[in-house]
Amino acid sequence: MEVSIHIDYGRPVPLFVTEGVPLLPHGVTSFYMFEPLYRQMIDACLKAARGGSLLQAAPFAVATVAGMGIDAATPRLRAAVCVGKIVRHKSLVGGSHEILVHGVCRARIVSMDEASGERLYRRARLEPVADQHRKPATLASARAGLEQMLKGSQLQKMESARQVALLIAQQGLPPAVALELAGFVLIRDAEVRYQLLEEPDPRRRAKLVWRQVRRLEALIAMAEKQSQSEWPRGVSWN
């Protein structure tokens, strides 16, 4: 879906720091916020929700650590982030939050605003990362090719691939968004997901998704050559 939400880049944006890349533009992810700093962060975001409308809640950015682990109080962060908006919220016992977050757009960290005083969470000044070199015809072709690939006999063994095929077949869904959603659902490798996040050119993102889906198709074909009796217990395509 296309989302038109104003992000005020003139003010620092709260950061939720993770090791992987759980959110990409147009994707939807649930989070369980139980650490004191993130409980405080979500409280602050919700405080902006006038009249109880989550549409008015302040956005926050999902950032990833550069390197392994987030044990340090202020781990070094990678530049690319995904700005998200809370679309569903549930308060839990003890002050924790269960939220559903919609990825709105890509952005880049310009400078950090570290935790200070009573504020426990980190913030950053961001700059938007706009899509470059939009060519609808090229993206439409990439979308059609991906749709055809997902209907192949190998990938149809995966429930997630079947669901993505149905999703991107929707005519009202812009090609750029369809390709974003395919990458969000089908690509699980953290490094490749970060490449999708930091890439401003939708054509290059489309090529990256295409290569990864081709790789997935090849892996399924290789595994098919093995007898199912040789598979590890509990393994399935889903």
C-alpha atoms as a PDB file:
ATOM      1  CA  MET A   1       0.000   0.000   0.000  1.00  0.00           C
ATOM      2  CA  GLU A   2       1.108   3.554  -0.585  1.00  0.00           C
ATOM      3  CA  VAL A   3       1.360   5.539   2.616  1.00  0.00           C
ATOM      4  CA  SER A   4       1.526   9.314   2.827  1.00  0.00           C
ATOM      5  CA  ILE A   5       2.768  10.205   6.305  1.00  0.00           C
ATOM      6  CA  HIS A   6       4.675  13.349   7.173  1.00  0.00           C
ATOM      7  CA  ILE A   7       7.995  12.793   8.959  1.00  0.00           C
ATOM      8  CA  ASP A   8       9.487  15.869  10.631  1.00  0.00           C
ATOM      9  CA  TYR A   9      13.194  15.525   9.846  1.00  0.00           C
ATOM     10  CA  GLY A  10      13.909  18.764  11.642  1.00  0.00           C
ATOM     11  CA  ARG A  11      13.574  16.994  14.989  1.00  0.00           C
ATOM     12  CA  PRO A  12      15.466  13.993  16.427  1.00  0.00           C
ATOM     13  CA  VAL A  13      13.654  10.688  15.922  1.00  0.00           C
ATOM     14  CA  PRO A  14      13.668   7.971  18.621  1.00  0.00           C
ATOM     15  CA  LEU A  15      15.681   4.849  17.773  1.00  0.00           C
ATOM     16  CA  PHE A  16      14.866   1.207  18.421  1.00  0.00           C
ATOM     17  CA  VAL A  17      18.170  -0.664  18.054  1.00  0.00           C
ATOM     18  CA  THR A  18      18.320  -4.286  16.898  1.00  0.00           C
ATOM     19  CA  GLU A  19      20.899  -6.743  15.575  1.00  0.00           C
ATOM     20  CA  GLY A  20      18.930  -7.707  12.474  1.00  0.00           C
ATOM     21  CA  VAL A  21      16.663  -5.849  10.044  1.00  0.00           C
ATOM     22  CA  PRO A  22      13.123  -6.656  11.214  1.00  0.00           C
ATOM     23  CA  LEU A  23      11.428  -3.820   9.328  1.00  0.00           C
ATOM     24  CA  LEU A  24      11.568  -2.590   5.731  1.00  0.00           C
ATOM     25  CA  PRO A  25       9.431   0.042   3.968  1.00  0.00           C
ATOM     26  CA  HIS A  26       5.845  -1.163   3.415  1.00  0.00           C
ATOM     27  CA  GLY A  27       6.411  -4.169   5.683  1.00  0.00           C
ATOM     28  CA  VAL A  28       4.542  -4.749   8.942  1.00  0.00           C
ATOM     29  CA  THR A  29       6.218  -6.216  12.031  1.00  0.00           C
ATOM     30  CA  SER A  30       5.156  -6.803  15.621  1.00  0.00           C
ATOM     31  CA  PHE A  31       7.383  -5.863  18.545  1.00  0.00           C
ATOM     32  CA  TYR A  32       7.221  -6.643  22.240  1.00  0.00           C
ATOM     33  CA  MET A  33       8.753  -3.675  24.073  1.00  0.00           C
ATOM     34  CA  PHE A  34       9.680  -4.685  27.614  1.00  0.00           C
ATOM     35  CA  GLU A  35      13.039  -3.017  28.305  1.00  0.00           C
ATOM     36  CA  PRO A  36      12.707   0.188  30.370  1.00  0.00           C
ATOM     37  CA  LEU A  37      14.277   2.415  27.710  1.00  0.00           C
ATOM     38  CA  TYR A  38      11.931   1.177  24.967  1.00  0.00           C
ATOM     39  CA  ARG A  39       8.888   1.233  27.212  1.00  0.00           C
ATOM     40  CA  GLN A  40       9.741   4.885  27.820  1.00  0.00           C
ATOM     41  CA  MET A  41      10.274   5.447  24.089  1.00  0.00           C
ATOM     42  CA  ILE A  42       6.876   3.998  23.144  1.00  0.00           C
ATOM     43  CA  ASP A  43       5.223   6.008  25.924  1.00  0.00           C
ATOM     44  CA  ALA A  44       6.736   9.151  24.383  1.00  0.00           C
ATOM     45  CA  CYS A  45       5.597   8.197  20.862  1.00  0.00           C
ATOM     46  CA  LEU A  46       2.056   7.496  22.043  1.00  0.00           C
ATOM     47  CA  LYS A  47       1.917  10.757  23.978  1.00  0.00           C
ATOM     48  CA  ALA A  48       1.719  12.565  20.646  1.00  0.00           C
ATOM     49  CA  ALA A  49      -1.418  10.620  19.675  1.00  0.00           C
ATOM     50  CA  ARG A  50      -4.089  13.287  19.961  1.00  0.00           C
ATOM     51  CA  GLY A  51      -7.599  12.085  20.656  1.00  0.00           C
ATOM     52  CA  GLY A  52      -6.342   8.513  21.043  1.00  0.00           C
ATOM     53  CA  SER A  53      -5.640   8.159  17.306  1.00  0.00           C
ATOM     54  CA  LEU A  54      -2.544   6.074  16.554  1.00  0.00           C
ATOM     55  CA  LEU A  55      -2.241   7.969  13.272  1.00  0.00           C
ATOM     56  CA  GLN A  56      -1.028  10.897  15.352  1.00  0.00           C
ATOM     57  CA  ALA A  57       1.557   8.870  17.303  1.00  0.00           C
ATOM     58  CA  ALA A  58       5.156   9.984  16.753  1.00  0.00           C
ATOM     59  CA  PRO A  59       7.257   7.752  14.477  1.00  0.00           C
ATOM     60  CA  PHE A  60      10.418   5.976  15.529  1.00  0.00           C
ATOM     61  CA  ALA A  61      13.251   4.490  13.493  1.00  0.00           C
ATOM     62  CA  VAL A  62      14.496   0.913  13.569  1.00  0.00           C
ATOM     63  CA  ALA A  63      18.303   0.970  13.482  1.00  0.00           C
ATOM     64  CA  THR A  64      20.824  -1.868  13.369  1.00  0.00           C
ATOM     65  CA  VAL A  65      24.141  -2.266  15.120  1.00  0.00           C
ATOM     66  CA  ALA A  66      27.382  -2.220  13.152  1.00  0.00           C
ATOM     67  CA  GLY A  67      29.095  -5.458  14.116  1.00  0.00           C
ATOM     68  CA  MET A  68      28.036  -8.189  16.491  1.00  0.00           C
ATOM     69  CA  GLY A  69      25.969  -7.759  19.631  1.00  0.00           C
ATOM     70  CA  ILE A  70      24.220  -4.856  21.327  1.00  0.00           C
ATOM     71  CA  ASP A  71      25.621  -5.369  24.822  1.00  0.00           C
ATOM     72  CA  ALA A  72      27.312  -1.979  24.953  1.00  0.00           C
ATOM     73  CA  ALA A  73      25.186   0.922  26.175  1.00  0.00           C
ATOM     74  CA  THR A  74      25.814   2.876  22.981  1.00  0.00           C
ATOM     75  CA  PRO A  75      26.742   0.450  20.194  1.00  0.00           C
ATOM     76  CA  ARG A  76      27.842   1.925  16.878  1.00  0.00           C
ATOM     77  CA  LEU A  77      24.953   1.961  14.403  1.00  0.00           C
ATOM     78  CA  ARG A  78      24.703   1.471  10.673  1.00  0.00           C
ATOM     79  CA  ALA A  79      23.596   4.559   8.792  1.00  0.00           C
ATOM     80  CA  ALA A  80      20.450   3.240   7.080  1.00  0.00           C
ATOM     81  CA  VAL A  81      17.246   2.995   9.144  1.00  0.00           C
ATOM     82  CA  CYS A  82      13.590   2.293   8.495  1.00  0.00           C
ATOM     83  CA  VAL A  83      11.153   4.842   9.902  1.00  0.00           C
ATOM     84  CA  GLY A  84       8.001   3.208  11.208  1.00  0.00           C
ATOM     85  CA  LYS A  85       4.594   4.166  12.564  1.00  0.00           C
ATOM     86  CA  ILE A  86       2.631   2.303  15.221  1.00  0.00           C
ATOM     87  CA  VAL A  87      -0.608   0.988  13.714  1.00  0.00           C
ATOM     88  CA  ARG A  88      -1.735  -1.215  16.609  1.00  0.00           C
ATOM     89  CA  HIS A  89      -0.961  -1.013  20.295  1.00  0.00           C
ATOM     90  CA  LYS A  90      -1.721  -3.039  23.410  1.00  0.00           C
ATOM     91  CA  SER A  91      -0.596  -2.089  26.913  1.00  0.00           C
ATOM     92  CA  LEU A  92       0.612  -5.031  28.975  1.00  0.00           C
ATOM     93  CA  VAL A  93       0.960  -5.630  32.700  1.00  0.00           C
ATOM     94  CA  GLY A  94       4.061  -3.961  34.108  1.00  0.00           C
ATOM     95  CA  GLY A  95       4.197  -1.174  31.530  1.00  0.00           C
ATOM     96  CA  SER A  96       5.350  -3.230  28.538  1.00  0.00           C
ATOM     97  CA  HIS A  97       3.927  -2.663  25.062  1.00  0.00           C
ATOM     98  CA  GLU A  98       2.859  -4.986  22.257  1.00  0.00           C
ATOM     99  CA  ILE A  99       2.847  -3.016  19.027  1.00  0.00           C
ATOM    100  CA  LEU A 100       2.397  -3.534  15.314  1.00  0.00           C
ATOM    101  CA  VAL A 101       4.594  -1.240  13.233  1.00  0.00           C
ATOM    102  CA  HIS A 102       4.283  -0.299   9.565  1.00  0.00           C
ATOM    103  CA  GLY A 103       7.492   0.590   7.724  1.00  0.00           C
ATOM    104  CA  VAL A 104       7.012   4.038   6.194  1.00  0.00           C
ATOM    105  CA  CYS A 105      10.284   4.973   4.507  1.00  0.00           C
ATOM    106  CA  ARG A 106      14.063   4.757   4.335  1.00  0.00           C
ATOM    107  CA  ALA A 107      16.227   7.309   6.086  1.00  0.00           C
ATOM    108  CA  ARG A 108      19.852   7.850   7.001  1.00  0.00           C
ATOM    109  CA  ILE A 109      21.389   8.817  10.349  1.00  0.00           C
ATOM    110  CA  VAL A 110      23.045  12.233  10.154  1.00  0.00           C
ATOM    111  CA  SER A 111      23.956  12.667  13.824  1.00  0.00           C
ATOM    112  CA  MET A 112      23.229  10.993  17.144  1.00  0.00           C
ATOM    113  CA  ASP A 113      21.401  12.455  20.113  1.00  0.00           C
ATOM    114  CA  GLU A 114      22.458  10.111  22.906  1.00  0.00           C
ATOM    115  CA  ALA A 115      20.370   9.339  25.985  1.00  0.00           C
ATOM    116  CA  SER A 116      20.626  12.025  28.630  1.00  0.00           C
ATOM    117  CA  GLY A 117      18.926  13.056  31.842  1.00  0.00           C
ATOM    118  CA  GLU A 118      15.652  11.228  32.312  1.00  0.00           C
ATOM    119  CA  ARG A 119      15.530  10.109  28.667  1.00  0.00           C
ATOM    120  CA  LEU A 120      16.830   6.520  28.501  1.00  0.00           C
ATOM    121  CA  TYR A 121      16.569   5.918  24.763  1.00  0.00           C
ATOM    122  CA  ARG A 122      18.755   7.176  21.927  1.00  0.00           C
ATOM    123  CA  ARG A 123      17.569   9.504  19.182  1.00  0.00           C
ATOM    124  CA  ALA A 124      19.068  10.595  15.879  1.00  0.00           C
ATOM    125  CA  ARG A 125      18.693  13.347  13.354  1.00  0.00           C
ATOM    126  CA  LEU A 126      17.771  11.752  10.072  1.00  0.00           C
ATOM    127  CA  GLU A 127      17.674  12.676   6.419  1.00  0.00           C
ATOM    128  CA  PRO A 128      15.242  11.060   3.989  1.00  0.00           C
ATOM    129  CA  VAL A 129      16.420   8.603   1.356  1.00  0.00           C
ATOM    130  CA  ALA A 130      14.273   9.182  -1.707  1.00  0.00           C
ATOM    131  CA  ASP A 131      13.893   6.614  -4.458  1.00  0.00           C
ATOM    132  CA  GLN A 132      16.230   7.323  -7.366  1.00  0.00           C
ATOM    133  CA  HIS A 133      15.815   6.612 -11.082  1.00  0.00           C
ATOM    134  CA  ARG A 134      12.174   5.612 -10.980  1.00  0.00           C
ATOM    135  CA  LYS A 135      11.275   3.918 -14.278  1.00  0.00           C
ATOM    136  CA  PRO A 136       7.805   2.399 -14.001  1.00  0.00           C
ATOM    137  CA  ALA A 137       8.208   0.288 -17.150  1.00  0.00           C
ATOM    138  CA  THR A 138      11.392  -1.339 -15.841  1.00  0.00           C
ATOM    139  CA  LEU A 139       9.848  -2.047 -12.447  1.00  0.00           C
ATOM    140  CA  ALA A 140       6.662  -3.398 -14.049  1.00  0.00           C
ATOM    141  CA  SER A 141       8.767  -5.843 -16.051  1.00  0.00           C
ATOM    142  CA  ALA A 142      10.670  -6.925 -12.936  1.00  0.00           C
ATOM    143  CA  ARG A 143       7.408  -7.402 -11.079  1.00  0.00           C
ATOM    144  CA  ALA A 144       5.936  -9.528 -13.891  1.00  0.00           C
ATOM    145  CA  GLY A 145       9.068 -11.686 -13.996  1.00  0.00           C
ATOM    146  CA  LEU A 146       9.029 -12.187 -10.238  1.00  0.00           C
ATOM    147  CA  GLU A 147       5.341 -13.048 -10.287  1.00  0.00           C
ATOM    148  CA  GLN A 148       5.977 -15.674 -12.946  1.00  0.00           C
ATOM    149  CA  MET A 149       8.917 -17.080 -11.001  1.00  0.00           C
ATOM    150  CA  LEU A 150       6.869 -17.381  -7.803  1.00  0.00           C
ATOM    151  CA  LYS A 151       4.283 -19.441  -9.673  1.00  0.00           C
ATOM    152  CA  GLY A 152       6.932 -22.021 -10.596  1.00  0.00           C
ATOM    153  CA  SER A 153       6.643 -25.542  -9.269  1.00  0.00           C
ATOM    154  CA  GLN A 154       9.607 -25.227  -6.897  1.00  0.00           C
ATOM    155  CA  LEU A 155       8.609 -22.019  -5.107  1.00  0.00           C
ATOM    156  CA  GLN A 156       4.962 -23.062  -4.939  1.00  0.00           C
ATOM    157  CA  LYS A 157       6.070 -25.553  -2.292  1.00  0.00           C
ATOM    158  CA  MET A 158       6.530 -22.600   0.086  1.00  0.00           C
ATOM    159  CA  GLU A 159       3.472 -21.075   1.715  1.00  0.00           C
ATOM    160  CA  SER A 160       5.229 -17.702   1.988  1.00  0.00           C
ATOM    161  CA  ALA A 161       6.003 -17.708  -1.746  1.00  0.00           C
ATOM    162  CA  ARG A 162       2.398 -18.575  -2.588  1.00  0.00           C
ATOM    163  CA  GLN A 163       1.162 -15.724  -0.413  1.00  0.00           C
ATOM    164  CA  VAL A 164       3.592 -13.235  -1.984  1.00  0.00           C
ATOM    165  CA  ALA A 165       2.532 -14.358  -5.476  1.00  0.00           C
ATOM    166  CA  LEU A 166      -1.097 -13.599  -4.622  1.00  0.00           C
ATOM    167  CA  LEU A 167      -0.149 -10.283  -3.076  1.00  0.00           C
ATOM    168  CA  ILE A 168       1.922  -8.887  -5.925  1.00  0.00           C
ATOM    169  CA  ALA A 169      -0.668 -10.030  -8.463  1.00  0.00           C
ATOM    170  CA  GLN A 170      -2.987  -7.295  -7.159  1.00  0.00           C
ATOM    171  CA  GLN A 171      -3.258  -4.779  -9.987  1.00  0.00           C
ATOM    172  CA  GLY A 172      -3.699  -1.793  -7.686  1.00  0.00           C
ATOM    173  CA  LEU A 173      -0.353  -2.406  -6.000  1.00  0.00           C
ATOM    174  CA  PRO A 174       2.448  -0.267  -7.511  1.00  0.00           C
ATOM    175  CA  PRO A 175       5.387  -2.347  -8.844  1.00  0.00           C
ATOM    176  CA  ALA A 176       7.905  -0.710  -6.477  1.00  0.00           C
ATOM    177  CA  VAL A 177       5.752  -1.612  -3.467  1.00  0.00           C
ATOM    178  CA  ALA A 178       5.149  -5.161  -4.738  1.00  0.00           C
ATOM    179  CA  LEU A 179       8.897  -5.734  -5.044  1.00  0.00           C
ATOM    180  CA  GLU A 180       9.509  -4.230  -1.589  1.00  0.00           C
ATOM    181  CA  LEU A 181       6.974  -6.593  -0.043  1.00  0.00           C
ATOM    182  CA  ALA A 182       8.439  -9.604  -1.842  1.00  0.00           C
ATOM    183  CA  GLY A 183      11.859  -8.794  -0.424  1.00  0.00           C
ATOM    184  CA  PHE A 184      10.459  -8.196   3.054  1.00  0.00           C
ATOM    185  CA  VAL A 185       8.671 -11.560   3.192  1.00  0.00           C
ATOM    186  CA  LEU A 186      11.048 -13.841   1.292  1.00  0.00           C
ATOM    187  CA  ILE A 187      14.528 -12.582   2.188  1.00  0.00           C
ATOM    188  CA  ARG A 188      15.560 -13.576   5.691  1.00  0.00           C
ATOM    189  CA  ASP A 189      19.326 -13.061   5.492  1.00  0.00           C
ATOM    190  CA  ALA A 190      20.119 -10.042   7.701  1.00  0.00           C
ATOM    191  CA  GLU A 191      22.912  -8.717   5.490  1.00  0.00           C
ATOM    192  CA  VAL A 192      20.840  -8.888   2.309  1.00  0.00           C
ATOM    193  CA  ARG A 193      17.922  -7.231   4.085  1.00  0.00           C
ATOM    194  CA  TYR A 194      20.234  -4.383   5.088  1.00  0.00           C
ATOM    195  CA  GLN A 195      21.335  -4.036   1.455  1.00  0.00           C
ATOM    196  CA  LEU A 196      17.659  -3.633   0.526  1.00  0.00           C
ATOM    197  CA  LEU A 197      17.236  -1.039   3.254  1.00  0.00           C
ATOM    198  CA  GLU A 198      20.199   1.118   2.274  1.00  0.00           C
ATOM    199  CA  GLU A 199      19.667   0.948  -1.515  1.00  0.00           C
ATOM    200  CA  PRO A 200      17.922   4.094  -2.855  1.00  0.00           C
ATOM    201  CA  ASP A 201      17.490   2.811  -6.413  1.00  0.00           C
ATOM    202  CA  PRO A 202      14.337   0.668  -6.800  1.00  0.00           C
ATOM    203  CA  ARG A 203      15.758  -0.988  -9.920  1.00  0.00           C
ATOM    204  CA  ARG A 204      18.759  -2.248  -7.969  1.00  0.00           C
ATOM    205  CA  ARG A 205      16.483  -3.413  -5.173  1.00  0.00           C
ATOM    206  CA  ALA A 206      14.430  -5.301  -7.756  1.00  0.00           C
ATOM    207  CA  LYS A 207      17.575  -7.027  -9.062  1.00  0.00           C
ATOM    208  CA  LEU A 208      18.597  -7.936  -5.524  1.00  0.00           C
ATOM    209  CA  VAL A 209      15.183  -9.471  -4.802  1.00  0.00           C
ATOM    210  CA  TRP A 210      15.270 -11.306  -8.139  1.00  0.00           C
ATOM    211  CA  ARG A 211      18.708 -12.827  -7.410  1.00  0.00           C
ATOM    212  CA  GLN A 212      17.711 -13.925  -3.916  1.00  0.00           C
ATOM    213  CA  VAL A 213      14.483 -15.554  -5.109  1.00  0.00           C
ATOM    214  CA  ARG A 214      16.412 -17.328  -7.875  1.00  0.00           C
ATOM    215  CA  ARG A 215      18.848 -18.561  -5.225  1.00  0.00           C
ATOM    216  CA  LEU A 216      15.960 -19.790  -3.098  1.00  0.00           C
ATOM    217  CA  GLU A 217      14.509 -21.609  -6.092  1.00  0.00           C
ATOM    218  CA  ALA A 218      17.866 -23.296  -6.754  1.00  0.00           C
ATOM    219  CA  LEU A 219      18.200 -24.385  -3.128  1.00  0.00           C
ATOM    220  CA  ILE A 220      14.750 -25.975  -3.223  1.00  0.00           C
ATOM    221  CA  ALA A 221      15.641 -27.799  -6.437  1.00  0.00           C
ATOM    222  CA  MET A 222      18.842 -29.130  -4.869  1.00  0.00           C
ATOM    223  CA  ALA A 223      17.018 -30.281  -1.757  1.00  0.00           C
ATOM    224  CA  GLU A 224      14.404 -32.008  -3.898  1.00  0.00           C
ATOM    225  CA  LYS A 225      17.116 -34.344  -5.164  1.00  0.00           C
ATOM    226  CA  GLN A 226      17.448 -35.724  -1.653  1.00  0.00           C
ATOM    227  CA  SER A 227      15.048 -38.268  -0.284  1.00  0.00           C
ATOM    228  CA  GLN A 228      12.696 -36.826   2.319  1.00  0.00           C
ATOM    229  CA  SER A 229      13.957 -39.530   4.675  1.00  0.00           C
ATOM    230  CA  GLU A 230      17.330 -37.723   4.626  1.00  0.00           C
ATOM    231  CA  TRP A 231      15.866 -34.379   5.809  1.00  0.00           C
ATOM    232  CA  PRO A 232      16.466 -33.355   9.423  1.00  0.00           C
ATOM    233  CA  ARG A 233      13.487 -33.962  11.680  1.00  0.00           C
ATOM    234  CA  GLY A 234      10.882 -31.218  11.714  1.00  0.00           C
ATOM    235  CA  VAL A 235      12.098 -29.608   8.474  1.00  0.00           C
ATOM    236  CA  SER A 236       9.594 -28.425   5.883  1.00  0.00           C
ATOM    237  CA  TRP A 237       9.458 -25.724   3.213  1.00  0.00           C
ATOM    238  CA  ASN A 238       7.331 -23.553   5.471  1.00  0.00           C
END
